[in-house]
Amino acid sequence: MIKETQQIYLSSINKDKFKNIFYVEEIQTPIASMLAIADSDYLYACIFESDSAIKTIEGLLKTYSAKIVFKGNKITQLTNSQLDKYFNKELKSFSIPSKLTGTDFQKQVWQELREIPYGKTISYLEEAKNMDKPTAFRAVANANGKNLFPIIIPCHRVIASNGKLGGYTGGLDKKKYLLNLEKST
C-alpha cells in the first residue's frame, strides 16, 4: 500500500491546476500488489508497487497535468477483473483501453510485445529482428524495461538469447512465475 506520506505528496502535485484526474487503485495479485493508474477513459499504467512506483506516478501526473485520487474507477476495475482472469488461466490477452507514454520507438517495442503469443517466449534479438531493427536488441531491452504495463503488455515473455531469463521490472521471481503460469495452461 502507498504510505500516507506518499499519498499526501502525490496529492499535492497539480492539486490546484490540472487538466485530468487520475484514479489509483491497488490490485492484489498472486505475485505482488500492483497499482492501476487510469483516467475515465484509459489505463496509463499498471505497475508493481515499489519505491520506484511513486516516481512513475509523479512523472505521469506531471506529463498529463493530472491530479490524483486514491480510489478506483471503471477502468481500474476492468484491469482488476482481467488480471484476476489472467491469473486464473481464463484470459490470454488483455483488452483494456490503454494510453502508452513513451517515445515512438518505445511504443513500437511495446506493440511488438503484444504480438508474442501466450505461453511462448522470444529473445530480445528476435524481438528486434521482428521490428526490422536487428542491431537494436539492447535498445529493445531498455524499452521493455520502461514498460508501464509489465503483465498486460507481456515483456515477461522476452528472454536472453542464451535462454536465461534476462531482466524484469518486477524481479526475476515474478517473471519466472508468469512464464510458468502460462506454460501450465
Protein backbone atom coordinates (compact mmCIF):
# COMPACT_ATOMS: atom_id res chain seq x y z
CA MET A 1 0.00 0.00 0.00
CA ILE A 2 1.20 3.51 -0.73
CA LYS A 3 2.22 5.16 2.52
CA GLU A 4 0.12 8.06 3.77
CA THR A 5 3.06 10.47 3.42
CA GLN A 6 3.49 9.38 -0.21
CA GLN A 7 -0.23 9.87 -0.84
CA ILE A 8 -0.05 13.38 0.60
CA TYR A 9 2.97 14.20 -1.57
CA LEU A 10 1.36 12.84 -4.76
CA SER A 11 -1.92 14.62 -3.94
CA SER A 12 -0.06 17.94 -3.78
CA ILE A 13 1.05 17.69 -7.43
CA ASN A 14 -1.19 19.76 -9.71
CA LYS A 15 -3.85 19.93 -6.98
CA ASP A 16 -4.95 23.44 -7.96
CA LYS A 17 -4.11 23.44 -11.66
CA PHE A 18 -4.96 20.26 -13.53
CA LYS A 19 -6.49 19.12 -16.81
CA ASN A 20 -7.08 15.49 -15.91
CA ILE A 21 -7.88 13.28 -12.93
CA PHE A 22 -6.04 10.00 -12.40
CA TYR A 23 -7.57 7.30 -10.26
CA VAL A 24 -5.22 4.90 -8.48
CA GLU A 25 -6.37 1.51 -7.27
CA GLU A 26 -4.26 -1.09 -5.52
CA ILE A 27 -4.75 -4.53 -7.08
CA GLN A 28 -3.75 -7.71 -5.28
CA THR A 29 -2.30 -10.45 -7.48
CA PRO A 30 -0.74 -13.79 -6.51
CA ILE A 31 2.75 -12.36 -7.10
CA ALA A 32 2.53 -8.79 -5.77
CA SER A 33 0.41 -5.73 -5.19
CA MET A 34 0.04 -3.62 -8.31
CA LEU A 35 -1.10 -0.05 -8.82
CA ALA A 36 -3.51 0.68 -11.67
CA ILE A 37 -3.47 4.34 -12.76
CA ALA A 38 -6.28 5.49 -15.05
CA ASP A 39 -8.43 8.40 -16.06
CA SER A 40 -12.07 7.88 -17.02
CA ASP A 41 -11.14 6.52 -20.47
CA TYR A 42 -7.69 4.90 -20.38
CA LEU A 43 -5.30 2.91 -18.25
CA TYR A 44 -1.96 4.76 -18.10
CA ALA A 45 -0.01 2.23 -16.05
CA CYS A 46 -0.40 -0.96 -14.07
CA ILE A 47 2.86 -1.30 -12.18
CA PHE A 48 4.22 -3.34 -9.32
CA GLU A 49 4.02 -1.47 -6.05
CA SER A 50 7.55 -0.37 -5.14
CA ASP A 51 9.57 2.70 -4.27
CA SER A 52 10.02 3.44 -7.98
CA ALA A 53 6.22 3.36 -8.44
CA ILE A 54 5.98 6.73 -6.71
CA LYS A 55 8.39 8.29 -9.24
CA THR A 56 6.43 6.71 -12.08
CA ILE A 57 3.14 8.12 -10.79
CA GLU A 58 4.76 11.51 -10.23
CA GLY A 59 6.02 11.50 -13.83
CA LEU A 60 2.58 10.62 -15.20
CA LEU A 61 0.91 13.36 -13.14
CA LYS A 62 3.34 15.94 -14.48
CA THR A 63 3.22 14.69 -18.09
CA TYR A 64 -0.57 14.77 -18.23
CA SER A 65 -1.22 17.73 -15.88
CA ALA A 66 -3.29 15.46 -13.71
CA LYS A 67 -4.27 15.39 -10.09
CA ILE A 68 -4.62 12.09 -8.25
CA VAL A 69 -7.50 10.42 -6.44
CA PHE A 70 -6.86 7.27 -4.44
CA LYS A 71 -9.89 5.25 -5.45
CA GLY A 72 -10.84 3.01 -8.33
CA ASN A 73 -12.99 3.68 -11.36
CA LYS A 74 -14.42 1.62 -14.22
CA ILE A 75 -11.01 1.31 -15.95
CA THR A 76 -9.14 0.21 -12.82
CA GLN A 77 -11.97 -2.21 -12.02
CA LEU A 78 -11.75 -3.67 -15.55
CA THR A 79 -7.99 -4.01 -15.04
CA ASN A 80 -8.52 -5.80 -11.73
CA SER A 81 -11.07 -8.15 -13.32
CA GLN A 82 -8.86 -9.01 -16.29
CA LEU A 83 -5.78 -9.58 -14.11
CA ASP A 84 -7.85 -11.91 -11.93
CA LYS A 85 -8.94 -13.85 -15.03
CA TYR A 86 -5.34 -13.97 -16.29
CA PHE A 87 -4.06 -15.45 -13.03
CA ASN A 88 -6.93 -17.96 -13.05
CA LYS A 89 -5.91 -19.01 -16.59
CA GLU A 90 -9.19 -17.70 -18.06
CA LEU A 91 -7.63 -14.87 -20.11
CA LYS A 92 -4.68 -14.94 -22.52
CA SER A 93 -4.67 -11.37 -23.83
CA PHE A 94 -5.91 -8.14 -22.33
CA SER A 95 -8.46 -5.74 -23.81
CA ILE A 96 -8.12 -2.72 -21.56
CA PRO A 97 -8.13 0.69 -23.26
CA SER A 98 -4.60 1.94 -22.61
CA LYS A 99 -2.60 5.10 -23.21
CA LEU A 100 1.09 4.46 -23.82
CA THR A 101 3.54 7.04 -22.51
CA GLY A 102 6.93 6.91 -24.22
CA THR A 103 8.90 7.62 -27.36
CA ASP A 104 7.76 6.38 -30.77
CA PHE A 105 10.45 3.69 -30.61
CA GLN A 106 9.30 2.53 -27.17
CA LYS A 107 5.69 2.37 -28.36
CA GLN A 108 6.80 0.28 -31.34
CA VAL A 109 8.66 -2.10 -29.00
CA TRP A 110 5.63 -2.41 -26.71
CA GLN A 111 3.35 -3.08 -29.67
CA GLU A 112 5.70 -5.88 -30.72
CA LEU A 113 5.41 -7.37 -27.22
CA ARG A 114 1.65 -7.70 -27.74
CA GLU A 115 2.35 -9.97 -30.72
CA ILE A 116 4.14 -12.62 -28.62
CA PRO A 117 1.69 -15.49 -28.14
CA TYR A 118 0.61 -16.51 -24.65
CA GLY A 119 2.88 -19.24 -23.30
CA LYS A 120 5.69 -18.50 -25.78
CA THR A 121 9.00 -16.71 -25.32
CA ILE A 122 11.32 -14.93 -27.71
CA SER A 123 14.73 -13.35 -27.24
CA TYR A 124 15.49 -9.64 -27.21
CA LEU A 125 17.32 -10.22 -30.51
CA GLU A 126 14.26 -11.91 -32.03
CA GLU A 127 12.09 -9.02 -30.88
CA ALA A 128 14.49 -6.55 -32.52
CA LYS A 129 14.52 -8.62 -35.74
CA ASN A 130 10.71 -8.75 -35.75
CA MET A 131 10.82 -4.95 -35.75
CA ASP A 132 13.32 -4.91 -38.65
CA LYS A 133 15.95 -3.47 -36.29
CA PRO A 134 18.28 -6.46 -35.75
CA THR A 135 21.10 -4.42 -34.23
CA ALA A 136 18.83 -2.62 -31.75
CA PHE A 137 18.38 -5.50 -29.30
CA ARG A 138 19.88 -3.52 -26.40
CA ALA A 139 17.59 -0.59 -27.11
CA VAL A 140 14.69 -3.05 -27.31
CA ALA A 141 15.66 -4.49 -23.91
CA ASN A 142 15.83 -0.97 -22.44
CA ALA A 143 12.39 -0.11 -23.86
CA ASN A 144 10.99 -3.34 -22.40
CA GLY A 145 12.31 -2.19 -19.03
CA LYS A 146 10.31 1.04 -19.30
CA ASN A 147 7.03 -0.79 -19.96
CA LEU A 148 4.37 0.61 -17.59
CA PHE A 149 2.16 -2.47 -18.10
CA PRO A 150 4.51 -5.35 -17.16
CA ILE A 151 1.85 -8.09 -17.28
CA ILE A 152 -0.71 -6.56 -19.64
CA ILE A 153 1.96 -5.81 -22.25
CA PRO A 154 3.87 -9.07 -21.77
CA CYS A 155 7.54 -8.12 -21.54
CA HIS A 156 7.98 -11.18 -19.29
CA ARG A 157 7.84 -13.28 -22.49
CA VAL A 158 11.19 -11.90 -23.68
CA ILE A 159 14.34 -13.72 -22.53
CA ALA A 160 18.04 -13.59 -23.33
CA SER A 161 19.37 -15.36 -26.44
CA ASN A 162 21.21 -17.85 -24.22
CA GLY A 163 17.91 -18.98 -22.67
CA LYS A 164 18.41 -17.14 -19.37
CA LEU A 165 15.56 -15.02 -18.08
CA GLY A 166 17.23 -11.65 -18.63
CA GLY A 167 15.69 -8.82 -16.62
CA TYR A 168 12.22 -7.88 -15.43
CA THR A 169 10.93 -4.75 -13.75
CA GLY A 170 9.14 -6.73 -11.06
CA GLY A 171 12.08 -9.04 -10.39
CA LEU A 172 13.08 -12.38 -11.86
CA ASP A 173 10.97 -14.34 -9.37
CA LYS A 174 7.85 -12.70 -10.79
CA LYS A 175 8.98 -13.26 -14.39
CA LYS A 176 9.58 -16.94 -13.69
CA TYR A 177 6.16 -17.25 -12.02
CA LEU A 178 4.40 -15.67 -15.01
CA LEU A 179 6.22 -17.85 -17.54
CA ASN A 180 5.40 -20.99 -15.53
CA LEU A 181 1.76 -19.90 -15.19
CA GLU A 182 1.45 -19.52 -18.96
CA LYS A 183 3.26 -22.79 -19.72
CA SER A 184 0.99 -24.77 -17.39
CA THR A 185 -2.14 -23.77 -19.29
